């Protein structure tokens, strides 16, 4: 009698365990599928897009329209969106594909690009750029650049913070196939310097996370939460 009672008691426990495990596997697959094919969250650690996107902005990125890559086989789905001038895109850095960059597209394949006294010219016409910022008090080499023609299948990209951005002016064009997504909105923004976001020292990371917990309310930029890009 005692043995049968124990057996009866164990069945619900096993059933609960198997049910929970299945739910966990299904949930993990859903989360992984969303991350691979739909969207991904990321933090901006540098000031190259300052004026539009700040250091410490946490962005949700759309990947679905940009041909997400299937894991293991490294196949990419067809890109459904045409990239245009003025778009902000996330791409794999041509010099090191393990790194991802965030910049604004200023010219596409076939365009002629030139910068004269800080003014961007595309196909010989000046471009209005209300988002671009300039902080340098003196003339810099980047204020005069080109002209050059962007090859087909390539993009010319620049950061909105023109005086503090490593971009196509330094290292050349970005293949369209390197683009993996675009930022949609800011879901959280926390005011901390670049050095804190880029510091990979484990002890420093723990200290940083502790400071976030302590200053979460005071240093969160609440006005940027939900801001569309």
Protein backbone atom coordinates (compact mmCIF):
# COMPACT_ATOMS: atom_id res chain seq x y z
CA UNK A 1 0.00 0.00 0.00
CA UNK A 2 2.78 2.41 0.92
CA UNK A 3 4.63 1.66 -2.31
CA UNK A 4 1.59 2.37 -4.46
CA UNK A 5 0.98 5.66 -2.65
CA UNK A 6 4.55 6.76 -3.38
CA UNK A 7 4.12 5.81 -7.02
CA UNK A 8 0.88 7.81 -7.21
CA UNK A 9 2.61 10.82 -5.68
CA UNK A 10 5.53 10.70 -8.11
CA UNK A 11 3.45 10.67 -11.29
CA UNK A 12 2.24 14.28 -11.02
CA UNK A 13 5.79 15.39 -10.24
CA UNK A 14 7.15 13.66 -13.36
CA UNK A 15 4.28 15.00 -15.45
CA UNK A 16 4.92 18.52 -14.17
CA UNK A 17 8.66 18.19 -14.91
CA UNK A 18 8.10 16.95 -18.47
CA UNK A 19 5.50 19.64 -19.12
CA UNK A 20 7.79 22.40 -17.77
CA UNK A 21 10.72 21.12 -19.81
CA UNK A 22 8.65 21.14 -23.01
CA UNK A 23 7.46 24.67 -22.30
CA UNK A 24 11.02 25.80 -21.66
CA UNK A 25 12.22 24.27 -24.95
CA UNK A 26 9.35 25.85 -26.89
CA UNK A 27 9.95 29.24 -25.26
CA UNK A 28 13.69 29.03 -25.95
CA UNK A 29 13.01 28.21 -29.61
CA UNK A 30 10.61 31.14 -29.91
CA UNK A 31 13.10 33.56 -28.32
CA UNK A 32 15.94 32.25 -30.49
CA UNK A 33 13.80 32.48 -33.61
CA UNK A 34 12.84 36.08 -32.85
CA UNK A 35 16.48 37.00 -32.19
CA UNK A 36 17.70 35.39 -35.41
CA UNK A 37 14.94 36.29 -37.84
CA UNK A 38 12.93 39.22 -36.46
CA UNK A 39 14.79 41.57 -34.16
CA UNK A 40 17.54 41.99 -31.61
CA UNK A 41 18.35 44.29 -28.71
CA UNK A 42 21.70 46.06 -28.50
CA UNK A 43 23.40 48.94 -26.71
CA UNK A 44 25.23 51.85 -28.35
CA UNK A 45 28.63 52.30 -26.61
CA UNK A 46 30.15 55.16 -28.66
CA UNK A 47 29.28 58.73 -29.63
CA UNK A 48 29.60 58.49 -33.43
CA UNK A 49 25.84 58.97 -33.90
CA UNK A 50 25.48 61.55 -31.13
CA UNK A 51 22.77 64.06 -31.88
CA UNK A 52 20.49 61.24 -33.01
CA UNK A 53 21.55 58.25 -30.91
CA UNK A 54 23.32 58.70 -27.59
CA UNK A 55 25.90 56.63 -25.75
CA UNK A 56 23.92 54.26 -23.54
CA UNK A 57 20.86 54.05 -25.79
CA UNK A 58 19.52 50.50 -25.89
CA UNK A 59 17.95 49.85 -29.28
CA UNK A 60 15.60 47.27 -30.72
CA UNK A 61 16.83 46.36 -34.19
CA UNK A 62 14.73 45.06 -37.08
CA UNK A 63 16.47 42.21 -38.92
CA UNK A 64 13.54 40.60 -40.75
CA UNK A 65 13.67 42.83 -43.85
CA UNK A 66 17.44 42.59 -44.24
CA UNK A 67 17.91 38.91 -45.05
CA UNK A 68 18.64 37.32 -41.65
CA UNK A 69 21.21 34.56 -41.62
CA UNK A 70 20.26 30.95 -40.89
CA UNK A 71 22.61 29.58 -38.21
CA UNK A 72 25.06 26.76 -38.89
CA UNK A 73 24.57 26.75 -42.68
CA UNK A 74 25.23 30.52 -42.93
CA UNK A 75 22.56 31.01 -45.60
CA UNK A 76 20.82 34.36 -45.77
CA UNK A 77 17.20 34.91 -46.61
CA UNK A 78 16.44 37.41 -49.41
CA UNK A 79 16.76 41.07 -48.46
CA UNK A 80 13.28 42.60 -48.74
CA UNK A 81 14.14 46.26 -48.20
CA UNK A 82 15.94 48.65 -50.52
CA UNK A 83 18.49 50.70 -48.59
CA UNK A 84 18.19 54.42 -49.32
CA UNK A 85 20.13 57.55 -48.52
CA UNK A 86 19.39 58.77 -45.01
CA UNK A 87 18.68 55.31 -43.58
CA UNK A 88 20.41 54.35 -40.33
CA UNK A 89 21.72 50.80 -40.64
CA UNK A 90 23.54 48.20 -38.57
CA UNK A 91 26.23 46.34 -40.48
CA UNK A 92 29.20 44.06 -40.11
CA UNK A 93 32.38 46.09 -40.22
CA UNK A 94 34.13 45.34 -43.56
CA UNK A 95 37.58 45.22 -41.93
CA UNK A 96 36.44 42.86 -39.15
CA UNK A 97 33.05 41.14 -39.65
CA UNK A 98 32.98 40.10 -35.99
CA UNK A 99 32.26 43.75 -35.12
CA UNK A 100 28.98 45.54 -35.82
CA UNK A 101 28.69 49.26 -36.55
CA UNK A 102 25.79 51.70 -36.64
CA UNK A 103 25.93 54.54 -39.18
CA UNK A 104 23.79 56.60 -41.55
CA UNK A 105 23.78 55.87 -45.28
CA UNK A 106 24.79 59.02 -47.13
CA UNK A 107 25.22 57.57 -50.63
CA UNK A 108 24.47 54.34 -52.47
CA UNK A 109 25.88 52.55 -55.52
CA UNK A 110 26.46 54.87 -58.48
CA UNK A 111 26.32 58.09 -56.44
CA UNK A 112 29.10 60.65 -56.58
CA UNK A 113 30.11 61.81 -53.07
CA UNK A 114 32.03 64.90 -52.04
CA UNK A 115 32.45 66.93 -48.87
CA UNK A 116 33.39 70.60 -49.18
CA UNK A 117 33.87 72.74 -46.06
CA UNK A 118 31.80 70.27 -44.08
CA UNK A 119 28.88 70.22 -46.53
CA UNK A 120 27.92 66.87 -48.08
CA UNK A 121 27.34 66.83 -51.85
CA UNK A 122 25.73 63.84 -53.55
CA UNK A 123 25.71 63.91 -57.35
CA UNK A 124 26.95 67.53 -57.18
CA UNK A 125 23.94 68.70 -55.14
CA UNK A 126 24.26 69.83 -51.50
CA UNK A 127 22.39 67.63 -49.02
CA UNK A 128 20.42 69.07 -46.12
CA UNK A 129 21.40 67.15 -43.00
CA UNK A 130 19.57 68.53 -39.94
CA UNK A 131 20.75 65.48 -37.97
CA UNK A 132 24.49 66.08 -38.55
CA UNK A 133 26.49 67.76 -35.79
CA UNK A 134 29.89 69.48 -35.91
CA UNK A 135 31.83 70.30 -32.74
CA UNK A 136 35.35 71.03 -33.96
CA UNK A 137 36.24 74.74 -33.73
CA UNK A 138 38.91 74.48 -36.44
CA UNK A 139 39.06 73.14 -39.97
CA UNK A 140 39.56 69.37 -40.10
CA UNK A 141 40.61 67.12 -43.01
CA UNK A 142 37.21 65.39 -42.97
CA UNK A 143 35.55 68.69 -43.90
CA UNK A 144 36.98 68.31 -47.43
CA UNK A 145 36.75 64.84 -48.96
CA UNK A 146 36.38 63.34 -52.43
CA UNK A 147 34.87 63.44 -54.90
CA UNK A 148 34.48 59.71 -55.47
CA UNK A 149 31.87 57.40 -56.99
CA UNK A 150 30.32 54.68 -54.82
CA UNK A 151 30.61 51.28 -56.56
CA UNK A 152 27.45 49.32 -57.28
CA UNK A 153 26.43 47.09 -54.39
CA UNK A 154 28.27 49.33 -51.91
CA UNK A 155 27.26 52.06 -49.44
CA UNK A 156 28.96 55.21 -48.21
CA UNK A 157 28.16 55.66 -44.52
CA UNK A 158 28.93 58.34 -41.92
CA UNK A 159 28.16 58.96 -38.29
CA UNK A 160 25.93 61.93 -37.48
CA UNK A 161 28.62 63.19 -35.09
CA UNK A 162 30.85 64.14 -38.00
CA UNK A 163 33.85 65.23 -35.94
CA UNK A 164 33.91 62.05 -33.85
CA UNK A 165 33.10 59.17 -36.18
CA UNK A 166 35.19 56.49 -37.85
CA UNK A 167 33.32 55.77 -41.06
CA UNK A 168 33.59 55.49 -44.85
CA UNK A 169 35.80 58.56 -44.93
CA UNK A 170 38.44 56.48 -43.09
CA UNK A 171 37.98 52.85 -44.14
CA UNK A 172 35.93 52.86 -47.32
CA UNK A 173 32.62 51.48 -48.51
CA UNK A 174 30.24 48.97 -46.91
CA UNK A 175 28.92 46.09 -49.05
CA UNK A 176 25.12 46.02 -49.04
CA UNK A 177 25.31 42.35 -48.01
CA UNK A 178 27.04 43.40 -44.77
CA UNK A 179 23.89 45.19 -43.58
CA UNK A 180 22.05 43.11 -40.98
CA UNK A 181 19.32 45.47 -39.76
CA UNK A 182 18.12 48.91 -38.76
CA UNK A 183 17.31 50.39 -35.33
CA UNK A 184 13.58 50.88 -34.74
CA UNK A 185 13.30 52.51 -31.33
CA UNK A 186 15.04 53.17 -28.01
CA UNK A 187 13.65 50.86 -25.34
CA UNK A 188 15.97 52.12 -22.57
CA UNK A 189 18.66 54.78 -22.29
CA UNK A 190 21.16 54.99 -19.44
CA UNK A 191 23.63 57.84 -19.01
CA UNK A 192 27.13 56.39 -18.65
CA UNK A 193 30.38 57.12 -20.52
CA UNK A 194 31.76 55.05 -23.39
CA UNK A 195 34.57 53.66 -21.22
CA UNK A 196 32.06 51.96 -18.91
CA UNK A 197 30.14 50.30 -21.74
CA UNK A 198 33.29 49.02 -23.46
CA UNK A 199 35.16 47.82 -20.36
CA UNK A 200 35.17 43.99 -20.45
CA UNK A 201 37.07 43.52 -17.19
CA UNK A 202 34.82 41.18 -15.11
CA UNK A 203 35.36 43.09 -11.86
CA UNK A 204 34.66 46.40 -13.58
CA UNK A 205 31.51 44.95 -15.19
CA UNK A 206 30.17 43.85 -11.82
CA UNK A 207 30.89 47.29 -10.40
CA UNK A 208 29.16 48.91 -13.38
CA UNK A 209 26.05 46.72 -13.02
CA UNK A 210 25.94 47.56 -9.31
CA UNK A 211 26.09 51.28 -10.12
CA UNK A 212 23.26 50.85 -12.63
CA UNK A 213 21.11 49.20 -9.97
CA UNK A 214 21.91 52.01 -7.55
CA UNK A 215 21.36 54.87 -10.02
CA UNK A 216 18.72 53.31 -12.28
CA UNK A 217 16.07 55.96 -11.67
CA UNK A 218 18.32 59.03 -11.62
CA UNK A 219 20.49 58.16 -14.64
CA UNK A 220 17.88 56.62 -16.92
CA UNK A 221 16.95 59.05 -19.68
CA UNK A 222 13.22 58.52 -19.32
CA UNK A 223 12.37 60.94 -22.11
CA UNK A 224 14.06 58.69 -24.67
CA UNK A 225 12.15 55.54 -23.73
CA UNK A 226 10.11 54.42 -26.74
CA UNK A 227 11.64 57.06 -29.03
CA UNK A 228 11.37 56.04 -32.69
CA UNK A 229 14.43 56.32 -34.94
